[in-house]
Amino acid sequence: MITVSDKGFRGERQDESGPLLCQLVTEMGAKVVSTHLLPDEQEQITSLLSCLVDGGEADLILTTGGTGPSPRDVTPEATRSVIEREMPGLAELLRWDGYQRTPFAVLSRGVCGIRGKTLILNLPGSPKAVREGMEVLTPLLPSAIALIKDETPLDGLCSPQ
């Protein structure tokens, strides 16, 4: 789990989204293997994403923050530079579901994709958006991860070809 926030990194703001995301991931039965807090620096985000995936410990990497339209928000660019294949449906679902709650959700530029056998997904930086995003993602993530790993999904509704 990676929080991307200049103010959080400098200690000017308490990171609430990262700990909430860890709690929600744990509640869905997954294990959080590491947490990180980075500034909005594309090179640092790219380097950490690559290192985490290539280390082979994580099936899923969730980021929070850095997905908006401001010039310093570079999490989507960092993620795109690391992934090998996009999985746009999950990012589109987050925006669509968020739009049902607030029209500002469409300002998120978060992306989702696969590198190796790891799913990388960008969430917005607010605790509210993290909670709402995980509500919609939690039922889908186990099957998505199983398919990426070429395993049978847990829900049995679809199987790898």
N, C-alpha and C. Protein backbone atom coordinates (compact mmCIF):
# COMPACT_ATOMS: atom_id res chain seq x y z
N MET A 1 0.84 -1.16 0.00
CA MET A 1 0.00 0.00 0.00
C MET A 1 0.89 1.23 0.00
N ILE A 2 0.57 2.15 -0.90
CA ILE A 2 1.38 3.36 -1.04
C ILE A 2 0.48 4.59 -0.95
N THR A 3 0.81 5.49 -0.04
CA THR A 3 0.15 6.79 0.01
C THR A 3 1.07 7.78 -0.69
N VAL A 4 0.51 8.56 -1.61
CA VAL A 4 1.27 9.58 -2.32
C VAL A 4 0.72 10.94 -1.88
N SER A 5 1.55 11.69 -1.18
CA SER A 5 1.12 12.99 -0.66
C SER A 5 2.33 13.83 -0.29
N ASP A 6 2.48 14.98 -0.93
CA ASP A 6 3.57 15.89 -0.56
C ASP A 6 3.45 16.32 0.89
N LYS A 7 2.26 16.78 1.27
CA LYS A 7 2.06 17.28 2.64
C LYS A 7 2.21 16.17 3.66
N GLY A 8 1.70 14.99 3.36
CA GLY A 8 1.87 13.86 4.26
C GLY A 8 3.33 13.48 4.42
N PHE A 9 4.06 13.47 3.32
CA PHE A 9 5.47 13.11 3.34
C PHE A 9 6.28 14.12 4.17
N ARG A 10 5.92 15.41 4.06
CA ARG A 10 6.63 16.46 4.81
C ARG A 10 6.15 16.56 6.25
N GLY A 11 5.15 15.77 6.65
CA GLY A 11 4.64 15.82 8.01
C GLY A 11 3.70 16.98 8.26
N GLU A 12 3.21 17.61 7.21
CA GLU A 12 2.31 18.75 7.35
C GLU A 12 0.85 18.32 7.45
N ARG A 13 0.57 17.06 7.16
CA ARG A 13 -0.79 16.53 7.22
C ARG A 13 -0.72 15.07 7.64
N GLN A 14 -1.64 14.67 8.49
CA GLN A 14 -1.74 13.27 8.93
C GLN A 14 -2.29 12.44 7.77
N ASP A 15 -1.65 11.32 7.48
CA ASP A 15 -2.16 10.41 6.46
C ASP A 15 -3.31 9.61 7.04
N GLU A 16 -4.52 9.88 6.59
CA GLU A 16 -5.69 9.12 7.04
C GLU A 16 -6.07 8.04 6.04
N SER A 17 -5.83 8.29 4.76
CA SER A 17 -6.24 7.33 3.72
C SER A 17 -5.44 6.04 3.76
N GLY A 18 -4.15 6.13 3.97
CA GLY A 18 -3.31 4.94 4.00
C GLY A 18 -3.71 3.96 5.10
N PRO A 19 -3.79 4.43 6.37
CA PRO A 19 -4.21 3.52 7.43
C PRO A 19 -5.63 2.96 7.21
N LEU A 20 -6.53 3.79 6.68
CA LEU A 20 -7.88 3.31 6.39
C LEU A 20 -7.83 2.22 5.33
N LEU A 21 -7.04 2.42 4.30
CA LEU A 21 -6.92 1.43 3.24
C LEU A 21 -6.36 0.12 3.79
N CYS A 22 -5.36 0.20 4.65
CA CYS A 22 -4.82 -1.01 5.29
C CYS A 22 -5.89 -1.73 6.10
N GLN A 23 -6.69 -0.97 6.84
CA GLN A 23 -7.77 -1.56 7.63
C GLN A 23 -8.77 -2.28 6.73
N LEU A 24 -9.17 -1.63 5.64
CA LEU A 24 -10.17 -2.22 4.74
C LEU A 24 -9.63 -3.46 4.03
N VAL A 25 -8.37 -3.44 3.66
CA VAL A 25 -7.75 -4.60 3.02
C VAL A 25 -7.69 -5.77 4.00
N THR A 26 -7.33 -5.48 5.24
CA THR A 26 -7.28 -6.52 6.28
C THR A 26 -8.67 -7.09 6.53
N GLU A 27 -9.68 -6.21 6.56
CA GLU A 27 -11.06 -6.67 6.78
C GLU A 27 -11.56 -7.57 5.67
N MET A 28 -11.01 -7.41 4.45
CA MET A 28 -11.44 -8.29 3.37
C MET A 28 -10.68 -9.60 3.38
N GLY A 29 -9.81 -9.79 4.37
CA GLY A 29 -9.11 -11.06 4.53
C GLY A 29 -7.75 -11.12 3.88
N ALA A 30 -7.24 -9.99 3.41
CA ALA A 30 -5.93 -9.96 2.78
C ALA A 30 -4.88 -9.50 3.79
N LYS A 31 -3.64 -9.78 3.48
CA LYS A 31 -2.52 -9.39 4.35
C LYS A 31 -1.81 -8.20 3.74
N VAL A 32 -1.59 -7.17 4.52
CA VAL A 32 -0.82 -6.00 4.09
C VAL A 32 0.65 -6.32 4.36
N VAL A 33 1.46 -6.39 3.30
CA VAL A 33 2.86 -6.77 3.48
C VAL A 33 3.78 -5.57 3.67
N SER A 34 3.36 -4.39 3.20
CA SER A 34 4.17 -3.19 3.43
C SER A 34 3.34 -1.94 3.17
N THR A 35 3.75 -0.85 3.84
CA THR A 35 3.12 0.45 3.63
C THR A 35 4.21 1.47 3.38
N HIS A 36 3.88 2.46 2.56
CA HIS A 36 4.85 3.48 2.20
C HIS A 36 4.15 4.82 2.07
N LEU A 37 4.88 5.89 2.37
CA LEU A 37 4.39 7.26 2.20
C LEU A 37 5.43 7.99 1.36
N LEU A 38 5.01 8.42 0.18
CA LEU A 38 5.92 9.08 -0.77
C LEU A 38 5.42 10.46 -1.14
N PRO A 39 6.34 11.34 -1.57
CA PRO A 39 5.91 12.61 -2.14
C PRO A 39 5.43 12.39 -3.57
N ASP A 40 4.77 13.38 -4.12
CA ASP A 40 4.30 13.32 -5.51
C ASP A 40 5.50 13.49 -6.45
N GLU A 41 6.32 12.49 -6.53
CA GLU A 41 7.50 12.49 -7.40
C GLU A 41 7.44 11.23 -8.25
N GLN A 42 7.25 11.41 -9.55
CA GLN A 42 7.03 10.28 -10.44
C GLN A 42 8.13 9.24 -10.36
N GLU A 43 9.36 9.68 -10.34
CA GLU A 43 10.48 8.73 -10.32
C GLU A 43 10.46 7.85 -9.06
N GLN A 44 10.14 8.45 -7.92
CA GLN A 44 10.09 7.68 -6.67
C GLN A 44 8.93 6.69 -6.68
N ILE A 45 7.79 7.12 -7.20
CA ILE A 45 6.62 6.24 -7.26
C ILE A 45 6.90 5.08 -8.21
N THR A 46 7.44 5.39 -9.37
CA THR A 46 7.77 4.35 -10.36
C THR A 46 8.76 3.35 -9.79
N SER A 47 9.78 3.85 -9.14
CA SER A 47 10.81 2.98 -8.56
C SER A 47 10.23 2.05 -7.51
N LEU A 48 9.41 2.59 -6.62
CA LEU A 48 8.82 1.76 -5.57
C LEU A 48 7.85 0.74 -6.15
N LEU A 49 7.00 1.14 -7.08
CA LEU A 49 6.08 0.19 -7.71
C LEU A 49 6.85 -0.96 -8.35
N SER A 50 7.88 -0.64 -9.10
CA SER A 50 8.70 -1.67 -9.76
C SER A 50 9.33 -2.60 -8.74
N CYS A 51 9.88 -2.02 -7.70
CA CYS A 51 10.56 -2.80 -6.66
C CYS A 51 9.57 -3.74 -5.96
N LEU A 52 8.39 -3.24 -5.62
CA LEU A 52 7.41 -4.06 -4.94
C LEU A 52 6.93 -5.21 -5.81
N VAL A 53 6.66 -4.92 -7.08
CA VAL A 53 6.19 -5.98 -7.99
C VAL A 53 7.30 -6.99 -8.23
N ASP A 54 8.47 -6.50 -8.58
CA ASP A 54 9.56 -7.39 -8.95
C ASP A 54 10.08 -8.20 -7.75
N GLY A 55 9.79 -7.73 -6.53
CA GLY A 55 10.15 -8.48 -5.34
C GLY A 55 9.29 -9.71 -5.14
N GLY A 56 8.14 -9.75 -5.82
CA GLY A 56 7.29 -10.92 -5.82
C GLY A 56 6.46 -11.16 -4.57
N GLU A 57 6.39 -10.20 -3.66
CA GLU A 57 5.65 -10.42 -2.42
C GLU A 57 4.18 -10.02 -2.51
N ALA A 58 3.82 -9.19 -3.48
CA ALA A 58 2.46 -8.63 -3.50
C ALA A 58 1.67 -9.08 -4.72
N ASP A 59 0.45 -9.54 -4.47
CA ASP A 59 -0.49 -9.83 -5.56
C ASP A 59 -1.24 -8.58 -5.97
N LEU A 60 -1.31 -7.61 -5.06
CA LEU A 60 -2.08 -6.39 -5.25
C LEU A 60 -1.32 -5.23 -4.63
N ILE A 61 -1.19 -4.14 -5.39
CA ILE A 61 -0.63 -2.90 -4.85
C ILE A 61 -1.68 -1.82 -5.03
N LEU A 62 -2.10 -1.25 -3.91
CA LEU A 62 -3.06 -0.16 -3.93
C LEU A 62 -2.32 1.13 -3.61
N THR A 63 -2.60 2.16 -4.39
CA THR A 63 -2.08 3.48 -4.08
C THR A 63 -3.25 4.38 -3.72
N THR A 64 -2.98 5.37 -2.89
CA THR A 64 -3.98 6.38 -2.57
C THR A 64 -3.31 7.74 -2.69
N GLY A 65 -3.94 8.62 -3.44
CA GLY A 65 -3.42 9.97 -3.61
C GLY A 65 -2.70 10.16 -4.93
N GLY A 66 -2.59 11.42 -5.31
CA GLY A 66 -1.85 11.79 -6.51
C GLY A 66 -2.57 11.49 -7.81
N THR A 67 -3.90 11.37 -7.77
CA THR A 67 -4.65 11.01 -8.97
C THR A 67 -5.44 12.16 -9.58
N GLY A 68 -5.41 13.31 -8.96
CA GLY A 68 -6.20 14.45 -9.45
C GLY A 68 -5.55 15.17 -10.62
N PRO A 69 -6.12 16.30 -11.00
CA PRO A 69 -5.62 17.04 -12.16
C PRO A 69 -4.54 18.08 -11.86
N SER A 70 -4.13 18.21 -10.60
CA SER A 70 -3.12 19.23 -10.31
C SER A 70 -1.77 18.83 -10.91
N PRO A 71 -0.92 19.80 -11.17
CA PRO A 71 0.38 19.49 -11.81
C PRO A 71 1.24 18.50 -11.03
N ARG A 72 1.11 18.45 -9.70
CA ARG A 72 1.93 17.54 -8.89
C ARG A 72 1.35 16.13 -8.82
N ASP A 73 0.11 15.92 -9.27
CA ASP A 73 -0.51 14.60 -9.22
C ASP A 73 0.00 13.73 -10.37
N VAL A 74 0.94 12.84 -10.06
CA VAL A 74 1.60 12.05 -11.11
C VAL A 74 1.50 10.54 -10.88
N THR A 75 0.67 10.12 -9.93
CA THR A 75 0.54 8.69 -9.67
C THR A 75 0.09 7.90 -10.91
N PRO A 76 -0.89 8.40 -11.69
CA PRO A 76 -1.28 7.64 -12.89
C PRO A 76 -0.13 7.50 -13.91
N GLU A 77 0.64 8.55 -14.09
CA GLU A 77 1.77 8.48 -15.02
C GLU A 77 2.81 7.47 -14.54
N ALA A 78 3.08 7.48 -13.24
CA ALA A 78 4.04 6.53 -12.68
C ALA A 78 3.54 5.10 -12.85
N THR A 79 2.26 4.91 -12.61
CA THR A 79 1.67 3.57 -12.73
C THR A 79 1.71 3.10 -14.18
N ARG A 80 1.34 3.97 -15.10
CA ARG A 80 1.37 3.59 -16.53
C ARG A 80 2.78 3.20 -16.98
N SER A 81 3.78 3.84 -16.43
CA SER A 81 5.15 3.53 -16.85
C SER A 81 5.62 2.17 -16.33
N VAL A 82 4.91 1.62 -15.35
CA VAL A 82 5.30 0.35 -14.74
C VAL A 82 4.48 -0.83 -15.25
N ILE A 83 3.20 -0.60 -15.51
CA ILE A 83 2.34 -1.72 -15.89
C ILE A 83 2.64 -2.22 -17.29
N GLU A 84 2.33 -3.49 -17.51
CA GLU A 84 2.51 -4.10 -18.82
C GLU A 84 1.19 -4.16 -19.59
N ARG A 85 0.09 -4.27 -18.82
CA ARG A 85 -1.24 -4.32 -19.44
C ARG A 85 -2.20 -3.51 -18.58
N GLU A 86 -3.02 -2.70 -19.23
CA GLU A 86 -4.03 -1.94 -18.48
C GLU A 86 -5.23 -2.81 -18.18
N MET A 87 -5.91 -2.48 -17.11
CA MET A 87 -7.18 -3.08 -16.73
C MET A 87 -8.15 -1.93 -16.48
N PRO A 88 -8.58 -1.26 -17.54
CA PRO A 88 -9.32 -0.01 -17.37
C PRO A 88 -10.68 -0.15 -16.72
N GLY A 89 -11.28 -1.32 -16.78
CA GLY A 89 -12.62 -1.48 -16.22
C GLY A 89 -12.71 -1.14 -14.74
N LEU A 90 -11.70 -1.49 -13.97
CA LEU A 90 -11.75 -1.21 -12.54
C LEU A 90 -11.65 0.29 -12.26
N ALA A 91 -10.77 0.98 -12.98
CA ALA A 91 -10.66 2.43 -12.82
C ALA A 91 -11.93 3.13 -13.28
N GLU A 92 -12.50 2.63 -14.37
CA GLU A 92 -13.76 3.21 -14.86
C GLU A 92 -14.88 2.97 -13.86
N LEU A 93 -14.91 1.79 -13.25
CA LEU A 93 -15.92 1.48 -12.26
C LEU A 93 -15.82 2.42 -11.05
N LEU A 94 -14.60 2.68 -10.61
CA LEU A 94 -14.41 3.60 -9.49
C LEU A 94 -14.96 4.99 -9.81
N ARG A 95 -14.66 5.48 -11.01
CA ARG A 95 -15.16 6.81 -11.40
C ARG A 95 -16.68 6.81 -11.54
N TRP A 96 -17.23 5.75 -12.15
CA TRP A 96 -18.67 5.69 -12.35
C TRP A 96 -19.40 5.62 -11.01
N ASP A 97 -18.93 4.73 -10.13
CA ASP A 97 -19.56 4.61 -8.82
C ASP A 97 -19.41 5.91 -8.03
N GLY A 98 -18.23 6.50 -8.10
CA GLY A 98 -18.00 7.77 -7.41
C GLY A 98 -18.88 8.88 -7.93
N TYR A 99 -19.11 8.88 -9.24
CA TYR A 99 -19.96 9.90 -9.86
C TYR A 99 -21.40 9.81 -9.35
N GLN A 100 -21.83 8.62 -8.99
CA GLN A 100 -23.17 8.45 -8.43
C GLN A 100 -23.30 9.17 -7.09
N ARG A 101 -22.16 9.42 -6.45
CA ARG A 101 -22.13 10.05 -5.13
C ARG A 101 -21.77 11.53 -5.23
N THR A 102 -20.85 11.89 -6.14
CA THR A 102 -20.42 13.27 -6.34
C THR A 102 -19.88 13.43 -7.76
N PRO A 103 -20.26 14.49 -8.46
CA PRO A 103 -19.76 14.66 -9.83
C PRO A 103 -18.24 14.87 -9.89
N PHE A 104 -17.63 15.25 -8.78
CA PHE A 104 -16.20 15.50 -8.77
C PHE A 104 -15.36 14.22 -8.92
N ALA A 105 -15.98 13.06 -8.75
CA ALA A 105 -15.26 11.79 -8.88
C ALA A 105 -14.64 11.62 -10.26
N VAL A 106 -15.25 12.22 -11.28
CA VAL A 106 -14.71 12.06 -12.63
C VAL A 106 -13.41 12.84 -12.83
N LEU A 107 -13.02 13.65 -11.86
CA LEU A 107 -11.75 14.37 -11.95
C LEU A 107 -10.56 13.48 -11.58
N SER A 108 -10.84 12.31 -11.02
CA SER A 108 -9.77 11.37 -10.70
C SER A 108 -9.23 10.77 -11.99
N ARG A 109 -7.91 10.69 -12.08
CA ARG A 109 -7.26 10.13 -13.27
C ARG A 109 -6.65 8.77 -12.98
N GLY A 110 -7.05 8.16 -11.87
CA GLY A 110 -6.47 6.88 -11.46
C GLY A 110 -6.57 5.83 -12.55
N VAL A 111 -5.57 4.95 -12.57
CA VAL A 111 -5.51 3.86 -13.54
C VAL A 111 -5.35 2.54 -12.80
N CYS A 112 -5.52 1.47 -13.55
CA CYS A 112 -5.35 0.13 -13.01
C CYS A 112 -4.67 -0.71 -14.07
N GLY A 113 -3.74 -1.54 -13.66
CA GLY A 113 -3.07 -2.38 -14.63
C GLY A 113 -2.31 -3.53 -13.97
N ILE A 114 -1.69 -4.31 -14.82
CA ILE A 114 -1.02 -5.53 -14.39
C ILE A 114 0.46 -5.46 -14.78
N ARG A 115 1.29 -5.84 -13.84
CA ARG A 115 2.72 -6.06 -14.13
C ARG A 115 3.04 -7.43 -13.57
N GLY A 116 3.53 -8.29 -14.45
CA GLY A 116 3.78 -9.66 -14.03
C GLY A 116 2.47 -10.28 -13.59
N LYS A 117 2.41 -10.71 -12.35
CA LYS A 117 1.18 -11.29 -11.80
C LYS A 117 0.65 -10.44 -10.65
N THR A 118 0.92 -9.13 -10.73
CA THR A 118 0.48 -8.20 -9.70
C THR A 118 -0.47 -7.17 -10.28
N LEU A 119 -1.56 -6.94 -9.60
CA LEU A 119 -2.53 -5.91 -9.96
C LEU A 119 -2.16 -4.62 -9.22
N ILE A 120 -2.07 -3.52 -9.96
CA ILE A 120 -1.78 -2.21 -9.37
C ILE A 120 -2.99 -1.32 -9.63
N LEU A 121 -3.49 -0.69 -8.57
CA LEU A 121 -4.71 0.09 -8.67
C LEU A 121 -4.55 1.41 -7.93
N ASN A 122 -4.87 2.52 -8.60
CA ASN A 122 -4.81 3.85 -8.00
C ASN A 122 -6.17 4.26 -7.45
N LEU A 123 -6.20 4.65 -6.20
CA LEU A 123 -7.39 5.22 -5.57
C LEU A 123 -7.14 6.70 -5.28
N PRO A 124 -8.19 7.50 -5.24
CA PRO A 124 -8.01 8.91 -4.85
C PRO A 124 -7.48 9.01 -3.42
N GLY A 125 -7.11 10.20 -3.01
CA GLY A 125 -6.46 10.39 -1.71
C GLY A 125 -7.35 10.66 -0.52
N SER A 126 -8.63 10.88 -0.71
CA SER A 126 -9.48 11.19 0.44
C SER A 126 -9.96 9.91 1.11
N PRO A 127 -10.08 9.93 2.45
CA PRO A 127 -10.60 8.75 3.14
C PRO A 127 -11.99 8.34 2.63
N LYS A 128 -12.84 9.31 2.34
CA LYS A 128 -14.18 9.01 1.83
C LYS A 128 -14.10 8.24 0.51
N ALA A 129 -13.25 8.71 -0.40
CA ALA A 129 -13.09 8.04 -1.70
C ALA A 129 -12.47 6.66 -1.54
N VAL A 130 -11.55 6.50 -0.60
CA VAL A 130 -10.94 5.19 -0.34
C VAL A 130 -12.01 4.22 0.17
N ARG A 131 -12.80 4.66 1.14
CA ARG A 131 -13.84 3.79 1.69
C ARG A 131 -14.84 3.39 0.62
N GLU A 132 -15.33 4.38 -0.14
CA GLU A 132 -16.32 4.09 -1.18
C GLU A 132 -15.73 3.23 -2.29
N GLY A 133 -14.49 3.51 -2.66
CA GLY A 133 -13.84 2.72 -3.70
C GLY A 133 -13.66 1.27 -3.29
N MET A 134 -13.26 1.05 -2.05
CA MET A 134 -13.08 -0.32 -1.58
C MET A 134 -14.40 -1.05 -1.45
N GLU A 135 -15.47 -0.33 -1.17
CA GLU A 135 -16.79 -0.97 -1.12
C GLU A 135 -17.12 -1.62 -2.47
N VAL A 136 -16.83 -0.91 -3.55
CA VAL A 136 -17.15 -1.43 -4.88
C VAL A 136 -16.11 -2.46 -5.36
N LEU A 137 -14.87 -2.32 -4.91
CA LEU A 137 -13.80 -3.20 -5.38
C LEU A 137 -13.71 -4.53 -4.62
N THR A 138 -14.03 -4.53 -3.35
CA THR A 138 -13.84 -5.71 -2.50
C THR A 138 -14.43 -6.99 -3.10
N PRO A 139 -15.65 -6.97 -3.64
CA PRO A 139 -16.17 -8.22 -4.21
C PRO A 139 -15.43 -8.68 -5.47
N LEU A 140 -14.76 -7.77 -6.15
CA LEU A 140 -14.12 -8.09 -7.43
C LEU A 140 -12.65 -8.48 -7.32
N LEU A 141 -11.96 -7.94 -6.33
CA LEU A 141 -10.50 -8.12 -6.27
C LEU A 141 -10.05 -9.57 -6.16
N PRO A 142 -10.66 -10.42 -5.32
CA PRO A 142 -10.17 -11.81 -5.26
C PRO A 142 -10.22 -12.52 -6.61
N SER A 143 -11.31 -12.34 -7.36
CA SER A 143 -11.41 -12.99 -8.67
C SER A 143 -10.42 -12.39 -9.66
N ALA A 144 -10.27 -11.06 -9.63
CA ALA A 144 -9.31 -10.41 -10.54
C ALA A 144 -7.90 -10.92 -10.29
N ILE A 145 -7.52 -11.01 -9.03
CA ILE A 145 -6.17 -11.48 -8.69
C ILE A 145 -6.00 -12.94 -9.08
N ALA A 146 -7.00 -13.77 -8.84
CA ALA A 146 -6.92 -15.19 -9.22
C ALA A 146 -6.74 -15.33 -10.72
N LEU A 147 -7.48 -14.56 -11.50
CA LEU A 147 -7.36 -14.64 -12.96
C LEU A 147 -5.98 -14.19 -13.43
N ILE A 148 -5.46 -13.14 -12.83
CA ILE A 148 -4.13 -12.64 -13.19
C ILE A 148 -3.07 -13.71 -12.90
N LYS A 149 -3.26 -14.45 -11.83
CA LYS A 149 -2.32 -15.51 -11.45
C LYS A 149 -2.61 -16.82 -12.19
N ASP A 150 -3.60 -16.79 -13.10
CA ASP A 150 -4.01 -17.95 -13.88
C ASP A 150 -4.54 -19.07 -12.99
N GLU A 151 -5.27 -18.65 -11.97
CA GLU A 151 -5.91 -19.59 -11.05
C GLU A 151 -7.42 -19.50 -11.23
N THR A 152 -8.15 -20.44 -10.69
CA THR A 152 -9.61 -20.41 -10.74
C THR A 152 -10.11 -19.37 -9.77
N PRO A 153 -10.97 -18.47 -10.23
CA PRO A 153 -11.51 -17.45 -9.31
C PRO A 153 -12.28 -18.09 -8.17
N LEU A 154 -12.25 -17.42 -7.04
CA LEU A 154 -12.89 -17.96 -5.84
C LEU A 154 -14.40 -18.05 -5.96
N ASP A 155 -15.02 -17.15 -6.73
CA ASP A 155 -16.46 -17.16 -6.80
C ASP A 155 -17.00 -18.17 -7.80
N GLY A 156 -16.14 -18.74 -8.64
CA GLY A 156 -16.55 -19.76 -9.58
C GLY A 156 -17.44 -19.28 -10.73
N LEU A 157 -17.66 -17.97 -10.82
CA LEU A 157 -18.55 -17.45 -11.86
C LEU A 157 -17.87 -17.43 -13.24
N CYS A 158 -16.58 -17.31 -13.24
CA CYS A 158 -15.87 -17.35 -14.52
C CYS A 158 -14.55 -18.06 -14.30
N SER A 159 -14.03 -18.60 -15.35
CA SER A 159 -12.77 -19.32 -15.22
C SER A 159 -11.82 -18.88 -16.32
N PRO A 160 -10.52 -19.00 -16.05
CA PRO A 160 -9.54 -18.61 -17.05
C PRO A 160 -9.68 -19.47 -18.31
N GLN A 161 -9.42 -18.88 -19.44
CA GLN A 161 -9.50 -19.60 -20.71
C GLN A 161 -8.24 -20.37 -20.96
